[in-house]
Amino acid sequence: MKTKWQFPAILLGAVLTCGPALGWSESTTVQENSAKQDMKDAGHETKNAAKDVGHGTKQGTKKVYHSTKRGTKKAWHKTENTTKGTVHGAKEGAKQPD
């Protein structure tokens, strides 16, 4: 009776041992690789989205900086001209007695 079950036991052991190497359990491997690839894809998409946000922030900051710089220069020039006009007017007023 020992000989009758010995061959099927060896065959079953060989199938269980070599089955994954021969691709017989491909369905689980494909599912694992698919999930792994999905995680990689999600990571890459997150990275790209973060780059896009960073680029947009940089561009917006540069625009605000330049606008503020222009506005500050404009206000400075206007104040300078007004001050010069006021000083010039005060000198003219001081020269003409009433």
N, C-alpha and C. Protein backbone atom coordinates (compact mmCIF):
# COMPACT_ATOMS: atom_id res chain seq x y z
N MET A 1 0.81 -1.18 0.00
CA MET A 1 0.00 0.00 0.00
C MET A 1 0.86 1.26 0.00
N LYS A 2 2.03 1.19 0.53
CA LYS A 2 2.93 2.31 0.56
C LYS A 2 3.31 2.73 -0.85
N THR A 3 3.52 1.86 -1.77
CA THR A 3 3.89 2.14 -3.13
C THR A 3 2.73 2.76 -3.90
N LYS A 4 1.51 2.39 -3.58
CA LYS A 4 0.35 2.89 -4.30
C LYS A 4 0.19 4.41 -4.13
N TRP A 5 0.47 4.96 -2.98
CA TRP A 5 0.29 6.38 -2.72
C TRP A 5 1.58 7.19 -2.83
N GLN A 6 2.69 6.54 -3.02
CA GLN A 6 3.96 7.23 -3.04
C GLN A 6 4.11 8.12 -4.28
N PHE A 7 3.76 7.62 -5.46
CA PHE A 7 3.90 8.39 -6.70
C PHE A 7 2.98 9.62 -6.72
N PRO A 8 1.69 9.49 -6.41
CA PRO A 8 0.85 10.68 -6.39
C PRO A 8 1.31 11.72 -5.35
N ALA A 9 1.85 11.30 -4.24
CA ALA A 9 2.33 12.23 -3.22
C ALA A 9 3.54 13.00 -3.75
N ILE A 10 4.43 12.31 -4.44
CA ILE A 10 5.60 12.98 -5.02
C ILE A 10 5.15 13.94 -6.12
N LEU A 11 4.21 13.51 -6.93
CA LEU A 11 3.69 14.37 -8.00
C LEU A 11 3.02 15.61 -7.42
N LEU A 12 2.23 15.45 -6.40
CA LEU A 12 1.56 16.58 -5.76
C LEU A 12 2.58 17.54 -5.15
N GLY A 13 3.59 17.00 -4.52
CA GLY A 13 4.64 17.84 -3.94
C GLY A 13 5.39 18.61 -5.02
N ALA A 14 5.65 17.96 -6.14
CA ALA A 14 6.35 18.63 -7.24
C ALA A 14 5.49 19.75 -7.82
N VAL A 15 4.20 19.50 -7.97
CA VAL A 15 3.30 20.53 -8.53
C VAL A 15 3.21 21.71 -7.58
N LEU A 16 3.08 21.46 -6.29
CA LEU A 16 2.99 22.54 -5.34
C LEU A 16 4.29 23.34 -5.24
N THR A 17 5.41 22.65 -5.42
CA THR A 17 6.70 23.32 -5.33
C THR A 17 7.03 24.09 -6.59
N CYS A 18 6.81 23.47 -7.75
CA CYS A 18 7.21 24.08 -9.03
C CYS A 18 6.08 24.83 -9.73
N GLY A 19 4.88 24.72 -9.26
CA GLY A 19 3.74 25.35 -9.91
C GLY A 19 3.89 26.85 -10.09
N PRO A 20 4.22 27.60 -9.05
CA PRO A 20 4.37 29.05 -9.22
C PRO A 20 5.49 29.42 -10.21
N ALA A 21 6.57 28.61 -10.23
CA ALA A 21 7.68 28.89 -11.14
C ALA A 21 7.26 28.66 -12.59
N LEU A 22 6.33 27.77 -12.81
CA LEU A 22 5.87 27.48 -14.17
C LEU A 22 4.75 28.40 -14.62
N GLY A 23 4.30 29.29 -13.74
CA GLY A 23 3.27 30.25 -14.11
C GLY A 23 1.86 29.73 -13.91
N TRP A 24 1.67 28.68 -13.15
CA TRP A 24 0.33 28.16 -12.94
C TRP A 24 -0.46 29.00 -11.96
N SER A 25 0.19 29.79 -11.19
CA SER A 25 -0.53 30.65 -10.25
C SER A 25 -0.42 32.11 -10.71
N GLU A 26 -0.54 32.32 -11.99
CA GLU A 26 -0.36 33.64 -12.58
C GLU A 26 -1.41 34.64 -12.12
N SER A 27 -2.61 34.20 -11.83
CA SER A 27 -3.68 35.12 -11.46
C SER A 27 -3.33 35.92 -10.21
N THR A 28 -2.73 35.29 -9.20
CA THR A 28 -2.36 36.03 -8.00
C THR A 28 -1.17 36.95 -8.27
N THR A 29 -0.23 36.52 -9.10
CA THR A 29 0.93 37.34 -9.42
C THR A 29 0.48 38.58 -10.19
N VAL A 30 -0.43 38.41 -11.13
CA VAL A 30 -0.92 39.54 -11.92
C VAL A 30 -1.64 40.53 -11.01
N GLN A 31 -2.42 40.03 -10.08
CA GLN A 31 -3.14 40.92 -9.17
C GLN A 31 -2.16 41.68 -8.28
N GLU A 32 -1.12 40.99 -7.80
CA GLU A 32 -0.13 41.66 -6.97
C GLU A 32 0.62 42.72 -7.76
N ASN A 33 1.03 42.38 -8.98
CA ASN A 33 1.75 43.35 -9.82
C ASN A 33 0.85 44.51 -10.19
N SER A 34 -0.41 44.23 -10.42
CA SER A 34 -1.34 45.29 -10.78
C SER A 34 -1.49 46.28 -9.62
N ALA A 35 -1.65 45.76 -8.42
CA ALA A 35 -1.78 46.63 -7.25
C ALA A 35 -0.50 47.41 -7.03
N LYS A 36 0.62 46.75 -7.21
CA LYS A 36 1.92 47.41 -7.04
C LYS A 36 2.09 48.52 -8.08
N GLN A 37 1.71 48.22 -9.31
CA GLN A 37 1.83 49.23 -10.37
C GLN A 37 0.87 50.38 -10.13
N ASP A 38 -0.33 50.07 -9.64
CA ASP A 38 -1.28 51.13 -9.32
C ASP A 38 -0.72 52.08 -8.25
N MET A 39 -0.05 51.52 -7.26
CA MET A 39 0.56 52.35 -6.21
C MET A 39 1.68 53.21 -6.79
N LYS A 40 2.47 52.63 -7.68
CA LYS A 40 3.55 53.40 -8.32
C LYS A 40 2.96 54.53 -9.15
N ASP A 41 1.92 54.22 -9.92
CA ASP A 41 1.28 55.24 -10.75
C ASP A 41 0.71 56.36 -9.89
N ALA A 42 0.08 55.99 -8.78
CA ALA A 42 -0.48 57.00 -7.89
C ALA A 42 0.62 57.89 -7.32
N GLY A 43 1.76 57.29 -6.99
CA GLY A 43 2.89 58.07 -6.49
C GLY A 43 3.41 59.05 -7.52
N HIS A 44 3.53 58.58 -8.77
CA HIS A 44 4.01 59.46 -9.84
C HIS A 44 3.02 60.61 -10.10
N GLU A 45 1.74 60.30 -10.08
CA GLU A 45 0.73 61.34 -10.30
C GLU A 45 0.75 62.38 -9.18
N THR A 46 0.94 61.91 -7.96
CA THR A 46 1.02 62.83 -6.82
C THR A 46 2.25 63.72 -6.96
N LYS A 47 3.35 63.12 -7.37
CA LYS A 47 4.59 63.90 -7.56
C LYS A 47 4.39 64.97 -8.63
N ASN A 48 3.79 64.60 -9.73
CA ASN A 48 3.56 65.55 -10.83
C ASN A 48 2.60 66.66 -10.40
N ALA A 49 1.57 66.29 -9.63
CA ALA A 49 0.63 67.30 -9.15
C ALA A 49 1.33 68.28 -8.22
N ALA A 50 2.21 67.78 -7.37
CA ALA A 50 2.94 68.67 -6.45
C ALA A 50 3.86 69.61 -7.24
N LYS A 51 4.47 69.10 -8.30
CA LYS A 51 5.31 69.96 -9.15
C LYS A 51 4.48 71.05 -9.79
N ASP A 52 3.30 70.70 -10.28
CA ASP A 52 2.42 71.68 -10.92
C ASP A 52 2.00 72.77 -9.92
N VAL A 53 1.67 72.36 -8.71
CA VAL A 53 1.27 73.32 -7.69
C VAL A 53 2.44 74.24 -7.36
N GLY A 54 3.62 73.67 -7.21
CA GLY A 54 4.81 74.47 -6.92
C GLY A 54 5.11 75.46 -8.03
N HIS A 55 4.96 75.02 -9.28
CA HIS A 55 5.20 75.91 -10.42
C HIS A 55 4.19 77.06 -10.42
N GLY A 56 2.92 76.74 -10.19
CA GLY A 56 1.89 77.77 -10.15
C GLY A 56 2.12 78.77 -9.03
N THR A 57 2.54 78.27 -7.87
CA THR A 57 2.83 79.15 -6.75
C THR A 57 3.99 80.08 -7.07
N LYS A 58 5.01 79.53 -7.70
CA LYS A 58 6.17 80.34 -8.07
C LYS A 58 5.77 81.46 -9.03
N GLN A 59 4.99 81.11 -10.04
CA GLN A 59 4.58 82.10 -11.03
C GLN A 59 3.70 83.18 -10.39
N GLY A 60 2.78 82.76 -9.54
CA GLY A 60 1.91 83.73 -8.85
C GLY A 60 2.70 84.65 -7.94
N THR A 61 3.67 84.10 -7.23
CA THR A 61 4.49 84.90 -6.34
C THR A 61 5.30 85.92 -7.12
N LYS A 62 5.87 85.49 -8.25
CA LYS A 62 6.64 86.42 -9.09
C LYS A 62 5.76 87.55 -9.60
N LYS A 63 4.55 87.22 -10.00
CA LYS A 63 3.63 88.23 -10.53
C LYS A 63 3.28 89.25 -9.44
N VAL A 64 2.97 88.76 -8.26
CA VAL A 64 2.63 89.66 -7.15
C VAL A 64 3.84 90.52 -6.78
N TYR A 65 5.03 89.93 -6.75
CA TYR A 65 6.24 90.68 -6.41
C TYR A 65 6.46 91.82 -7.40
N HIS A 66 6.37 91.51 -8.69
CA HIS A 66 6.61 92.55 -9.70
C HIS A 66 5.54 93.63 -9.67
N SER A 67 4.30 93.24 -9.46
CA SER A 67 3.22 94.24 -9.37
C SER A 67 3.43 95.15 -8.18
N THR A 68 3.81 94.58 -7.06
CA THR A 68 4.06 95.39 -5.86
C THR A 68 5.24 96.32 -6.08
N LYS A 69 6.26 95.81 -6.72
CA LYS A 69 7.44 96.63 -7.00
C LYS A 69 7.08 97.82 -7.89
N ARG A 70 6.30 97.56 -8.95
CA ARG A 70 5.87 98.64 -9.85
C ARG A 70 5.00 99.65 -9.10
N GLY A 71 4.07 99.16 -8.30
CA GLY A 71 3.19 100.06 -7.55
C GLY A 71 3.96 100.91 -6.56
N THR A 72 4.96 100.32 -5.91
CA THR A 72 5.77 101.05 -4.95
C THR A 72 6.57 102.14 -5.66
N LYS A 73 7.17 101.80 -6.81
CA LYS A 73 7.93 102.81 -7.57
C LYS A 73 7.02 103.95 -8.03
N LYS A 74 5.83 103.60 -8.48
CA LYS A 74 4.88 104.62 -8.95
C LYS A 74 4.51 105.56 -7.81
N ALA A 75 4.21 104.99 -6.66
CA ALA A 75 3.84 105.81 -5.50
C ALA A 75 5.01 106.67 -5.05
N TRP A 76 6.22 106.14 -5.10
CA TRP A 76 7.40 106.90 -4.70
C TRP A 76 7.62 108.09 -5.64
N HIS A 77 7.51 107.83 -6.95
CA HIS A 77 7.69 108.92 -7.91
C HIS A 77 6.60 110.00 -7.74
N LYS A 78 5.38 109.57 -7.53
CA LYS A 78 4.28 110.52 -7.36
C LYS A 78 4.51 111.37 -6.10
N THR A 79 4.94 110.72 -5.03
CA THR A 79 5.21 111.44 -3.79
C THR A 79 6.37 112.41 -3.98
N GLU A 80 7.40 111.96 -4.69
CA GLU A 80 8.56 112.81 -4.94
C GLU A 80 8.14 114.05 -5.74
N ASN A 81 7.34 113.87 -6.79
CA ASN A 81 6.90 114.99 -7.62
C ASN A 81 6.01 115.95 -6.81
N THR A 82 5.14 115.40 -6.01
CA THR A 82 4.25 116.23 -5.20
C THR A 82 5.05 117.02 -4.18
N THR A 83 6.02 116.38 -3.58
CA THR A 83 6.86 117.06 -2.59
C THR A 83 7.65 118.19 -3.23
N LYS A 84 8.23 117.92 -4.42
CA LYS A 84 8.97 118.96 -5.13
C LYS A 84 8.05 120.13 -5.49
N GLY A 85 6.86 119.82 -5.93
CA GLY A 85 5.89 120.86 -6.26
C GLY A 85 5.50 121.67 -5.06
N THR A 86 5.35 121.03 -3.92
CA THR A 86 4.98 121.72 -2.69
C THR A 86 6.12 122.63 -2.24
N VAL A 87 7.34 122.12 -2.31
CA VAL A 87 8.50 122.93 -1.92
C VAL A 87 8.64 124.11 -2.86
N HIS A 88 8.49 123.87 -4.16
CA HIS A 88 8.60 124.95 -5.14
C HIS A 88 7.49 125.99 -4.91
N GLY A 89 6.30 125.55 -4.63
CA GLY A 89 5.18 126.45 -4.36
C GLY A 89 5.40 127.25 -3.09
N ALA A 90 5.99 126.61 -2.09
CA ALA A 90 6.26 127.31 -0.84
C ALA A 90 7.32 128.39 -1.05
N LYS A 91 8.32 128.11 -1.89
CA LYS A 91 9.35 129.10 -2.18
C LYS A 91 8.74 130.30 -2.92
N GLU A 92 7.89 130.03 -3.86
CA GLU A 92 7.22 131.09 -4.62
C GLU A 92 6.35 131.93 -3.70
N GLY A 93 5.64 131.30 -2.80
CA GLY A 93 4.78 131.99 -1.86
C GLY A 93 5.57 132.84 -0.88
N ALA A 94 6.75 132.39 -0.52
CA ALA A 94 7.60 133.12 0.42
C ALA A 94 8.19 134.35 -0.24
N LYS A 95 8.40 134.31 -1.54
CA LYS A 95 8.99 135.46 -2.24
C LYS A 95 7.99 136.60 -2.41
N GLN A 96 6.73 136.32 -2.51
CA GLN A 96 5.71 137.34 -2.78
C GLN A 96 5.01 137.72 -1.47
N PRO A 97 5.34 138.82 -0.91
CA PRO A 97 4.63 139.23 0.31
C PRO A 97 3.25 139.76 -0.02
N ASP A 98 2.33 139.56 0.84
CA ASP A 98 0.96 140.06 0.62
C ASP A 98 0.77 141.41 1.17
